[in-house]
């Protein structure tokens, strides 16, 4: 009786590759931009009626894990901070092209957190707006539940006045309650940008101060306000652990490494 030879390893690998491709194709619709449903958005955004010389040329919305379809890497960090919705708009304002990204987070604290780990070497910080970071061609803002990023695509001009104008229009359309402002969340008065970081997980701490990440990796659901001194770059943190047991373990394992001051489940780390 004739029997067929068993399939070769290369044949099995090809079948496995095809299965993976079909699985990825099935997954792609959930990881791509979704039809823009204005009723589903929890914030107000710019439109063609907002101001003269302003035109929206493209809009895309991403919700939850669909963020993976928007950015190559980095989605995990946003999801760690409670990402809910993203609206990306391509805008022409006074004949200059811009990209506006509205990230809506699950709390004002997390919105500030994701903002804080994305600011770097601000040319202007917390001057024109309550919490802002201006770098060449890019203005980032924290505002209630929103982390906003406005980028100018024209490198031949000074975009600062136009970035400020677009930001003003967005903030005016999204008034926030007093208890949503970072002044009631941070442990010190402003300025904040580039100085105060809110950390709630391994990825956030790696982005804010990677040399500490290994010491906090074993702990879950901690909350950290991290201060980096602008001149000495020395870190100081106020950390609230999830339980008394985790607080005790951290203090026991790191008392020789850090200057620690404990108050219940909260620890000041220097």
C-alpha atoms as a PDB file:
ATOM      1  CA  UNK A   1       0.000   0.000   0.000  1.00  0.00           C
ATOM      2  CA  UNK A   2       1.343   3.377  -1.005  1.00  0.00           C
ATOM      3  CA  UNK A   3       1.512   5.990   1.741  1.00  0.00           C
ATOM      4  CA  UNK A   4       2.241   9.667   1.293  1.00  0.00           C
ATOM      5  CA  UNK A   5       5.414  10.956   2.939  1.00  0.00           C
ATOM      6  CA  UNK A   6       4.916  13.248   5.931  1.00  0.00           C
ATOM      7  CA  UNK A   7       4.945  16.936   5.101  1.00  0.00           C
ATOM      8  CA  UNK A   8       8.363  18.526   5.181  1.00  0.00           C
ATOM      9  CA  UNK A   9       9.369  21.139   7.741  1.00  0.00           C
ATOM     10  CA  UNK A  10       9.403  23.839   5.049  1.00  0.00           C
ATOM     11  CA  UNK A  11       5.863  22.885   3.999  1.00  0.00           C
ATOM     12  CA  UNK A  12       4.654  23.078   7.604  1.00  0.00           C
ATOM     13  CA  UNK A  13       6.369  26.450   8.008  1.00  0.00           C
ATOM     14  CA  UNK A  14       4.661  27.745   4.877  1.00  0.00           C
ATOM     15  CA  UNK A  15       1.262  26.628   6.186  1.00  0.00           C
ATOM     16  CA  UNK A  16       1.967  28.292   9.534  1.00  0.00           C
ATOM     17  CA  UNK A  17       2.997  31.494   7.755  1.00  0.00           C
ATOM     18  CA  UNK A  18      -0.251  31.517   5.761  1.00  0.00           C
ATOM     19  CA  UNK A  19      -2.311  30.979   8.917  1.00  0.00           C
ATOM     20  CA  UNK A  20      -0.553  33.912  10.591  1.00  0.00           C
ATOM     21  CA  UNK A  21      -1.155  36.109   7.543  1.00  0.00           C
ATOM     22  CA  UNK A  22      -4.869  35.316   7.501  1.00  0.00           C
ATOM     23  CA  UNK A  23      -5.067  35.978  11.256  1.00  0.00           C
ATOM     24  CA  UNK A  24      -3.357  39.348  10.793  1.00  0.00           C
ATOM     25  CA  UNK A  25      -5.687  40.264   7.933  1.00  0.00           C
ATOM     26  CA  UNK A  26      -8.664  39.438  10.130  1.00  0.00           C
ATOM     27  CA  UNK A  27      -7.239  41.620  12.890  1.00  0.00           C
ATOM     28  CA  UNK A  28      -6.385  44.660  10.754  1.00  0.00           C
ATOM     29  CA  UNK A  29      -9.872  46.266  10.763  1.00  0.00           C
ATOM     30  CA  UNK A  30      -9.761  46.598  14.552  1.00  0.00           C
ATOM     31  CA  UNK A  31      -6.263  48.105  14.429  1.00  0.00           C
ATOM     32  CA  UNK A  32      -6.929  50.771  11.828  1.00  0.00           C
ATOM     33  CA  UNK A  33      -8.564  54.152  11.711  1.00  0.00           C
ATOM     34  CA  UNK A  34     -12.279  53.884  12.382  1.00  0.00           C
ATOM     35  CA  UNK A  35     -15.016  55.845  10.616  1.00  0.00           C
ATOM     36  CA  UNK A  36     -15.182  59.294  12.180  1.00  0.00           C
ATOM     37  CA  UNK A  37     -18.159  59.359  14.520  1.00  0.00           C
ATOM     38  CA  UNK A  38     -18.318  62.840  15.989  1.00  0.00           C
ATOM     39  CA  UNK A  39     -20.881  61.752  18.552  1.00  0.00           C
ATOM     40  CA  UNK A  40     -18.422  59.207  19.975  1.00  0.00           C
ATOM     41  CA  UNK A  41     -15.688  61.737  20.680  1.00  0.00           C
ATOM     42  CA  UNK A  42     -15.534  63.025  24.252  1.00  0.00           C
ATOM     43  CA  UNK A  43     -13.966  66.358  23.359  1.00  0.00           C
ATOM     44  CA  UNK A  44     -14.475  69.190  20.882  1.00  0.00           C
ATOM     45  CA  UNK A  45     -12.091  69.575  17.972  1.00  0.00           C
ATOM     46  CA  UNK A  46     -11.420  72.061  15.213  1.00  0.00           C
ATOM     47  CA  UNK A  47     -13.605  72.118  12.111  1.00  0.00           C
ATOM     48  CA  UNK A  48     -13.912  74.256   9.004  1.00  0.00           C
ATOM     49  CA  UNK A  49     -16.265  76.648  10.807  1.00  0.00           C
ATOM     50  CA  UNK A  50     -13.828  77.378  13.628  1.00  0.00           C
ATOM     51  CA  UNK A  51     -11.946  80.252  12.023  1.00  0.00           C
ATOM     52  CA  UNK A  52     -11.109  81.907   8.759  1.00  0.00           C
ATOM     53  CA  UNK A  53      -8.267  80.480   6.716  1.00  0.00           C
ATOM     54  CA  UNK A  54      -8.635  77.110   8.439  1.00  0.00           C
ATOM     55  CA  UNK A  55      -9.377  73.936   6.499  1.00  0.00           C
ATOM     56  CA  UNK A  56      -9.471  70.334   7.719  1.00  0.00           C
ATOM     57  CA  UNK A  57      -8.043  68.147   4.977  1.00  0.00           C
ATOM     58  CA  UNK A  58      -8.108  64.757   6.727  1.00  0.00           C
ATOM     59  CA  UNK A  59      -9.430  63.227   9.953  1.00  0.00           C
ATOM     60  CA  UNK A  60      -8.806  59.827  11.515  1.00  0.00           C
ATOM     61  CA  UNK A  61      -9.978  58.404  14.832  1.00  0.00           C
ATOM     62  CA  UNK A  62      -8.490  55.530  16.824  1.00  0.00           C
ATOM     63  CA  UNK A  63      -9.933  54.045  20.018  1.00  0.00           C
ATOM     64  CA  UNK A  64      -8.346  51.726  22.582  1.00  0.00           C
ATOM     65  CA  UNK A  65      -6.078  49.009  21.089  1.00  0.00           C
ATOM     66  CA  UNK A  66      -6.693  50.396  17.586  1.00  0.00           C
ATOM     67  CA  UNK A  67      -3.891  52.822  18.467  1.00  0.00           C
ATOM     68  CA  UNK A  68      -1.514  50.082  17.288  1.00  0.00           C
ATOM     69  CA  UNK A  69      -2.680  50.904  13.769  1.00  0.00           C
ATOM     70  CA  UNK A  70      -1.571  54.524  14.160  1.00  0.00           C
ATOM     71  CA  UNK A  71       1.939  54.409  15.605  1.00  0.00           C
ATOM     72  CA  UNK A  72       4.858  52.071  15.056  1.00  0.00           C
ATOM     73  CA  UNK A  73       5.780  51.357  18.649  1.00  0.00           C
ATOM     74  CA  UNK A  74       4.764  53.451  21.618  1.00  0.00           C
ATOM     75  CA  UNK A  75       1.160  52.271  21.792  1.00  0.00           C
ATOM     76  CA  UNK A  76       1.883  50.239  24.930  1.00  0.00           C
ATOM     77  CA  UNK A  77       2.993  53.380  26.746  1.00  0.00           C
ATOM     78  CA  UNK A  78      -0.249  55.206  25.900  1.00  0.00           C
ATOM     79  CA  UNK A  79      -2.352  52.207  26.913  1.00  0.00           C
ATOM     80  CA  UNK A  80      -0.444  51.997  30.214  1.00  0.00           C
ATOM     81  CA  UNK A  81      -1.628  55.547  30.867  1.00  0.00           C
ATOM     82  CA  UNK A  82      -5.295  54.780  30.155  1.00  0.00           C
ATOM     83  CA  UNK A  83      -5.579  55.869  26.518  1.00  0.00           C
ATOM     84  CA  UNK A  84      -9.190  56.118  25.284  1.00  0.00           C
ATOM     85  CA  UNK A  85      -9.399  57.994  21.983  1.00  0.00           C
ATOM     86  CA  UNK A  86      -7.166  59.684  19.420  1.00  0.00           C
ATOM     87  CA  UNK A  87      -8.262  62.114  16.746  1.00  0.00           C
ATOM     88  CA  UNK A  88      -5.634  63.016  14.154  1.00  0.00           C
ATOM     89  CA  UNK A  89      -6.380  66.007  11.940  1.00  0.00           C
ATOM     90  CA  UNK A  90      -4.466  67.341   8.962  1.00  0.00           C
ATOM     91  CA  UNK A  91      -5.034  71.095   8.966  1.00  0.00           C
ATOM     92  CA  UNK A  92      -4.218  73.947   6.626  1.00  0.00           C
ATOM     93  CA  UNK A  93      -4.155  77.214   8.563  1.00  0.00           C
ATOM     94  CA  UNK A  94      -3.313  80.416   6.718  1.00  0.00           C
ATOM     95  CA  UNK A  95      -1.859  78.275   3.906  1.00  0.00           C
ATOM     96  CA  UNK A  96       0.489  76.435   6.295  1.00  0.00           C
ATOM     97  CA  UNK A  97       0.075  72.646   6.895  1.00  0.00           C
ATOM     98  CA  UNK A  98      -0.242  71.267  10.430  1.00  0.00           C
ATOM     99  CA  UNK A  99      -0.982  67.971  12.152  1.00  0.00           C
ATOM    100  CA  UNK A 100      -3.110  68.036  15.313  1.00  0.00           C
ATOM    101  CA  UNK A 101      -3.333  64.989  17.561  1.00  0.00           C
ATOM    102  CA  UNK A 102      -5.893  64.915  20.385  1.00  0.00           C
ATOM    103  CA  UNK A 103      -5.263  62.103  22.877  1.00  0.00           C
ATOM    104  CA  UNK A 104      -8.159  61.622  25.285  1.00  0.00           C
ATOM    105  CA  UNK A 105      -7.121  59.713  28.417  1.00  0.00           C
ATOM    106  CA  UNK A 106      -9.158  58.113  31.204  1.00  0.00           C
ATOM    107  CA  UNK A 107      -8.227  60.739  33.828  1.00  0.00           C
ATOM    108  CA  UNK A 108      -6.603  64.190  34.029  1.00  0.00           C
ATOM    109  CA  UNK A 109      -3.769  62.656  36.027  1.00  0.00           C
ATOM    110  CA  UNK A 110      -2.985  60.150  33.284  1.00  0.00           C
ATOM    111  CA  UNK A 111      -3.346  62.847  30.623  1.00  0.00           C
ATOM    112  CA  UNK A 112      -0.674  64.835  32.419  1.00  0.00           C
ATOM    113  CA  UNK A 113       1.393  61.674  32.804  1.00  0.00           C
ATOM    114  CA  UNK A 114       1.520  60.877  29.097  1.00  0.00           C
ATOM    115  CA  UNK A 115       2.245  64.541  28.383  1.00  0.00           C
ATOM    116  CA  UNK A 116       5.064  64.606  30.931  1.00  0.00           C
ATOM    117  CA  UNK A 117       6.970  61.665  29.452  1.00  0.00           C
ATOM    118  CA  UNK A 118       6.789  63.163  25.938  1.00  0.00           C
ATOM    119  CA  UNK A 119       8.223  66.619  26.704  1.00  0.00           C
ATOM    120  CA  UNK A 120      11.927  67.185  26.104  1.00  0.00           C
ATOM    121  CA  UNK A 121      14.093  70.307  26.162  1.00  0.00           C
ATOM    122  CA  UNK A 122      11.268  72.820  26.010  1.00  0.00           C
ATOM    123  CA  UNK A 123      12.218  76.103  24.396  1.00  0.00           C
ATOM    124  CA  UNK A 124       9.194  77.617  26.159  1.00  0.00           C
ATOM    125  CA  UNK A 125       7.501  75.913  29.108  1.00  0.00           C
ATOM    126  CA  UNK A 126       4.270  76.832  30.945  1.00  0.00           C
ATOM    127  CA  UNK A 127       4.390  80.476  29.827  1.00  0.00           C
ATOM    128  CA  UNK A 128       1.789  81.010  27.119  1.00  0.00           C
ATOM    129  CA  UNK A 129      -0.528  78.223  28.368  1.00  0.00           C
ATOM    130  CA  UNK A 130      -0.852  76.677  31.857  1.00  0.00           C
ATOM    131  CA  UNK A 131       0.977  73.449  30.954  1.00  0.00           C
ATOM    132  CA  UNK A 132       2.828  73.507  27.624  1.00  0.00           C
ATOM    133  CA  UNK A 133       6.115  72.621  25.992  1.00  0.00           C
ATOM    134  CA  UNK A 134       7.255  74.373  22.819  1.00  0.00           C
ATOM    135  CA  UNK A 135      10.081  72.920  20.746  1.00  0.00           C
ATOM    136  CA  UNK A 136      10.971  73.829  17.139  1.00  0.00           C
ATOM    137  CA  UNK A 137       7.868  73.150  15.053  1.00  0.00           C
ATOM    138  CA  UNK A 138       6.009  71.329  17.836  1.00  0.00           C
ATOM    139  CA  UNK A 139       3.707  72.485  20.629  1.00  0.00           C
ATOM    140  CA  UNK A 140       2.522  69.983  23.245  1.00  0.00           C
ATOM    141  CA  UNK A 141      -0.122  70.765  25.860  1.00  0.00           C
ATOM    142  CA  UNK A 142      -1.852  69.172  28.819  1.00  0.00           C
ATOM    143  CA  UNK A 143      -5.503  70.177  29.231  1.00  0.00           C
ATOM    144  CA  UNK A 144      -7.879  68.244  31.479  1.00  0.00           C
ATOM    145  CA  UNK A 145      -8.385  64.801  29.941  1.00  0.00           C
ATOM    146  CA  UNK A 146      -6.442  65.790  26.822  1.00  0.00           C
ATOM    147  CA  UNK A 147      -2.844  65.518  25.769  1.00  0.00           C
ATOM    148  CA  UNK A 148      -2.469  67.660  22.635  1.00  0.00           C
ATOM    149  CA  UNK A 149       0.286  67.633  20.047  1.00  0.00           C
ATOM    150  CA  UNK A 150       0.385  70.283  17.294  1.00  0.00           C
ATOM    151  CA  UNK A 151       3.077  70.003  14.649  1.00  0.00           C
ATOM    152  CA  UNK A 152       3.901  72.396  11.807  1.00  0.00           C
ATOM    153  CA  UNK A 153       4.965  70.684   8.575  1.00  0.00           C
ATOM    154  CA  UNK A 154       6.546  73.810   7.037  1.00  0.00           C
ATOM    155  CA  UNK A 155      10.170  74.038   8.137  1.00  0.00           C
ATOM    156  CA  UNK A 156      10.825  77.320   6.369  1.00  0.00           C
ATOM    157  CA  UNK A 157       8.808  79.550   8.731  1.00  0.00           C
ATOM    158  CA  UNK A 158       8.618  80.378  12.415  1.00  0.00           C
ATOM    159  CA  UNK A 159       5.348  78.582  13.301  1.00  0.00           C
ATOM    160  CA  UNK A 160       5.069  79.715  16.919  1.00  0.00           C
ATOM    161  CA  UNK A 161       2.324  82.345  16.417  1.00  0.00           C
ATOM    162  CA  UNK A 162       0.204  79.946  14.358  1.00  0.00           C
ATOM    163  CA  UNK A 163       0.741  77.085  16.829  1.00  0.00           C
ATOM    164  CA  UNK A 164      -0.379  79.385  19.632  1.00  0.00           C
ATOM    165  CA  UNK A 165      -3.461  80.439  17.667  1.00  0.00           C
ATOM    166  CA  UNK A 166      -4.507  76.852  16.914  1.00  0.00           C
ATOM    167  CA  UNK A 167      -3.948  75.841  20.523  1.00  0.00           C
ATOM    168  CA  UNK A 168      -6.033  78.742  21.786  1.00  0.00           C
ATOM    169  CA  UNK A 169      -8.912  77.724  19.518  1.00  0.00           C
ATOM    170  CA  UNK A 170      -8.800  74.130  20.798  1.00  0.00           C
ATOM    171  CA  UNK A 171      -8.570  75.058  24.478  1.00  0.00           C
ATOM    172  CA  UNK A 172     -11.409  77.559  24.182  1.00  0.00           C
ATOM    173  CA  UNK A 173     -13.599  74.808  22.766  1.00  0.00           C
ATOM    174  CA  UNK A 174     -12.755  72.463  25.654  1.00  0.00           C
ATOM    175  CA  UNK A 175     -13.297  74.270  28.971  1.00  0.00           C
ATOM    176  CA  UNK A 176     -12.251  72.167  31.948  1.00  0.00           C
ATOM    177  CA  UNK A 177     -13.583  71.984  35.471  1.00  0.00           C
ATOM    178  CA  UNK A 178     -11.410  73.280  38.281  1.00  0.00           C
ATOM    179  CA  UNK A 179     -10.859  69.778  39.674  1.00  0.00           C
ATOM    180  CA  UNK A 180      -9.485  68.607  36.307  1.00  0.00           C
ATOM    181  CA  UNK A 181      -6.555  70.988  36.343  1.00  0.00           C
ATOM    182  CA  UNK A 182      -3.094  69.715  37.117  1.00  0.00           C
ATOM    183  CA  UNK A 183      -2.685  72.329  39.863  1.00  0.00           C
ATOM    184  CA  UNK A 184      -4.926  70.162  42.030  1.00  0.00           C
ATOM    185  CA  UNK A 185      -3.014  66.982  41.221  1.00  0.00           C
ATOM    186  CA  UNK A 186       0.685  67.764  41.323  1.00  0.00           C
ATOM    187  CA  UNK A 187       2.485  67.975  44.681  1.00  0.00           C
ATOM    188  CA  UNK A 188       3.981  71.412  43.981  1.00  0.00           C
ATOM    189  CA  UNK A 189       3.133  74.675  42.198  1.00  0.00           C
ATOM    190  CA  UNK A 190       4.138  75.262  38.550  1.00  0.00           C
ATOM    191  CA  UNK A 191       6.187  75.160  36.418  1.00  0.00           C
ATOM    192  CA  UNK A 192       5.733  71.468  35.640  1.00  0.00           C
ATOM    193  CA  UNK A 193       6.919  70.776  32.093  1.00  0.00           C
ATOM    194  CA  UNK A 194      10.264  69.008  31.969  1.00  0.00           C
ATOM    195  CA  UNK A 195      10.431  68.989  35.780  1.00  0.00           C
ATOM    196  CA  UNK A 196       7.480  66.966  37.124  1.00  0.00           C
ATOM    197  CA  UNK A 197       6.566  63.537  35.769  1.00  0.00           C
ATOM    198  CA  UNK A 198       3.612  61.372  36.676  1.00  0.00           C
ATOM    199  CA  UNK A 199       4.464  57.669  36.451  1.00  0.00           C
ATOM    200  CA  UNK A 200       2.084  54.737  36.800  1.00  0.00           C
ATOM    201  CA  UNK A 201       4.019  51.798  35.356  1.00  0.00           C
ATOM    202  CA  UNK A 202       7.245  50.339  34.023  1.00  0.00           C
ATOM    203  CA  UNK A 203       7.063  51.952  30.591  1.00  0.00           C
ATOM    204  CA  UNK A 204       6.362  55.398  32.002  1.00  0.00           C
ATOM    205  CA  UNK A 205       9.259  55.170  34.442  1.00  0.00           C
ATOM    206  CA  UNK A 206      11.581  53.921  31.696  1.00  0.00           C
ATOM    207  CA  UNK A 207      10.637  56.994  29.642  1.00  0.00           C
ATOM    208  CA  UNK A 208      10.986  59.429  32.546  1.00  0.00           C
ATOM    209  CA  UNK A 209      14.012  58.079  34.455  1.00  0.00           C
ATOM    210  CA  UNK A 210      15.207  54.737  33.154  1.00  0.00           C
ATOM    211  CA  UNK A 211      17.914  54.198  35.792  1.00  0.00           C
ATOM    212  CA  UNK A 212      15.181  53.645  38.414  1.00  0.00           C
ATOM    213  CA  UNK A 213      13.094  51.255  36.322  1.00  0.00           C
ATOM    214  CA  UNK A 214      14.744  48.075  37.579  1.00  0.00           C
ATOM    215  CA  UNK A 215      13.979  48.895  41.209  1.00  0.00           C
ATOM    216  CA  UNK A 216      10.243  49.409  40.648  1.00  0.00           C
ATOM    217  CA  UNK A 217       9.654  46.653  38.084  1.00  0.00           C
ATOM    218  CA  UNK A 218       8.481  44.068  40.686  1.00  0.00           C
ATOM    219  CA  UNK A 219       5.671  46.342  41.912  1.00  0.00           C
ATOM    220  CA  UNK A 220       2.208  46.810  40.433  1.00  0.00           C
ATOM    221  CA  UNK A 221      -0.183  49.744  40.336  1.00  0.00           C
ATOM    222  CA  UNK A 222       2.076  52.219  42.077  1.00  0.00           C
ATOM    223  CA  UNK A 223       1.685  55.955  41.485  1.00  0.00           C
ATOM    224  CA  UNK A 224       4.729  58.193  41.370  1.00  0.00           C
ATOM    225  CA  UNK A 225       5.253  61.939  41.175  1.00  0.00           C
ATOM    226  CA  UNK A 226       8.840  62.251  40.014  1.00  0.00           C
ATOM    227  CA  UNK A 227      10.731  65.533  40.194  1.00  0.00           C
ATOM    228  CA  UNK A 228      13.937  66.044  38.208  1.00  0.00           C
ATOM    229  CA  UNK A 229      15.847  69.087  39.423  1.00  0.00           C
ATOM    230  CA  UNK A 230      16.381  71.317  36.352  1.00  0.00           C
ATOM    231  CA  UNK A 231      19.971  72.183  37.273  1.00  0.00           C
ATOM    232  CA  UNK A 232      21.399  69.161  39.101  1.00  0.00           C
ATOM    233  CA  UNK A 233      19.182  66.571  37.364  1.00  0.00           C
ATOM    234  CA  UNK A 234      18.771  64.880  40.737  1.00  0.00           C
ATOM    235  CA  UNK A 235      15.549  62.831  41.037  1.00  0.00           C
ATOM    236  CA  UNK A 236      13.141  62.889  43.956  1.00  0.00           C
ATOM    237  CA  UNK A 237       9.894  60.947  43.973  1.00  0.00           C
ATOM    238  CA  UNK A 238       6.736  60.608  46.007  1.00  0.00           C
ATOM    239  CA  UNK A 239       5.469  57.065  45.518  1.00  0.00           C
ATOM    240  CA  UNK A 240       2.204  55.504  46.628  1.00  0.00           C
ATOM    241  CA  UNK A 241       2.284  51.717  46.556  1.00  0.00           C
ATOM    242  CA  UNK A 242      -0.778  49.512  46.108  1.00  0.00           C
ATOM    243  CA  UNK A 243      -0.427  47.749  49.448  1.00  0.00           C
ATOM    244  CA  UNK A 244       1.372  47.840  52.773  1.00  0.00           C
ATOM    245  CA  UNK A 245       3.151  44.622  51.845  1.00  0.00           C
ATOM    246  CA  UNK A 246       4.622  46.111  48.666  1.00  0.00           C
ATOM    247  CA  UNK A 247       5.638  49.248  50.550  1.00  0.00           C
ATOM    248  CA  UNK A 248       7.470  47.199  53.173  1.00  0.00           C
ATOM    249  CA  UNK A 249       9.176  45.034  50.563  1.00  0.00           C
ATOM    250  CA  UNK A 250      10.371  48.031  48.568  1.00  0.00           C
ATOM    251  CA  UNK A 251      11.735  49.796  51.642  1.00  0.00           C
ATOM    252  CA  UNK A 252      13.476  46.648  52.885  1.00  0.00           C
ATOM    253  CA  UNK A 253      15.135  45.937  49.547  1.00  0.00           C
ATOM    254  CA  UNK A 254      16.148  49.527  48.760  1.00  0.00           C
ATOM    255  CA  UNK A 255      16.926  51.207  52.071  1.00  0.00           C
ATOM    256  CA  UNK A 256      20.655  51.026  51.426  1.00  0.00           C
ATOM    257  CA  UNK A 257      20.262  52.330  47.881  1.00  0.00           C
ATOM    258  CA  UNK A 258      17.979  55.340  48.433  1.00  0.00           C
ATOM    259  CA  UNK A 259      17.202  57.879  51.114  1.00  0.00           C
ATOM    260  CA  UNK A 260      13.666  56.757  52.046  1.00  0.00           C
ATOM    261  CA  UNK A 261      10.994  58.353  54.190  1.00  0.00           C
ATOM    262  CA  UNK A 262       7.850  56.298  54.711  1.00  0.00           C
ATOM    263  CA  UNK A 263       4.357  57.419  55.705  1.00  0.00           C
ATOM    264  CA  UNK A 264       1.905  54.519  55.475  1.00  0.00           C
ATOM    265  CA  UNK A 265       1.867  53.296  51.877  1.00  0.00           C
ATOM    266  CA  UNK A 266       3.596  56.450  50.625  1.00  0.00           C
ATOM    267  CA  UNK A 267       7.369  56.724  50.357  1.00  0.00           C
ATOM    268  CA  UNK A 268       9.581  59.690  49.508  1.00  0.00           C
ATOM    269  CA  UNK A 269      12.540  58.417  47.505  1.00  0.00           C
ATOM    270  CA  UNK A 270      15.777  60.330  47.013  1.00  0.00           C
END
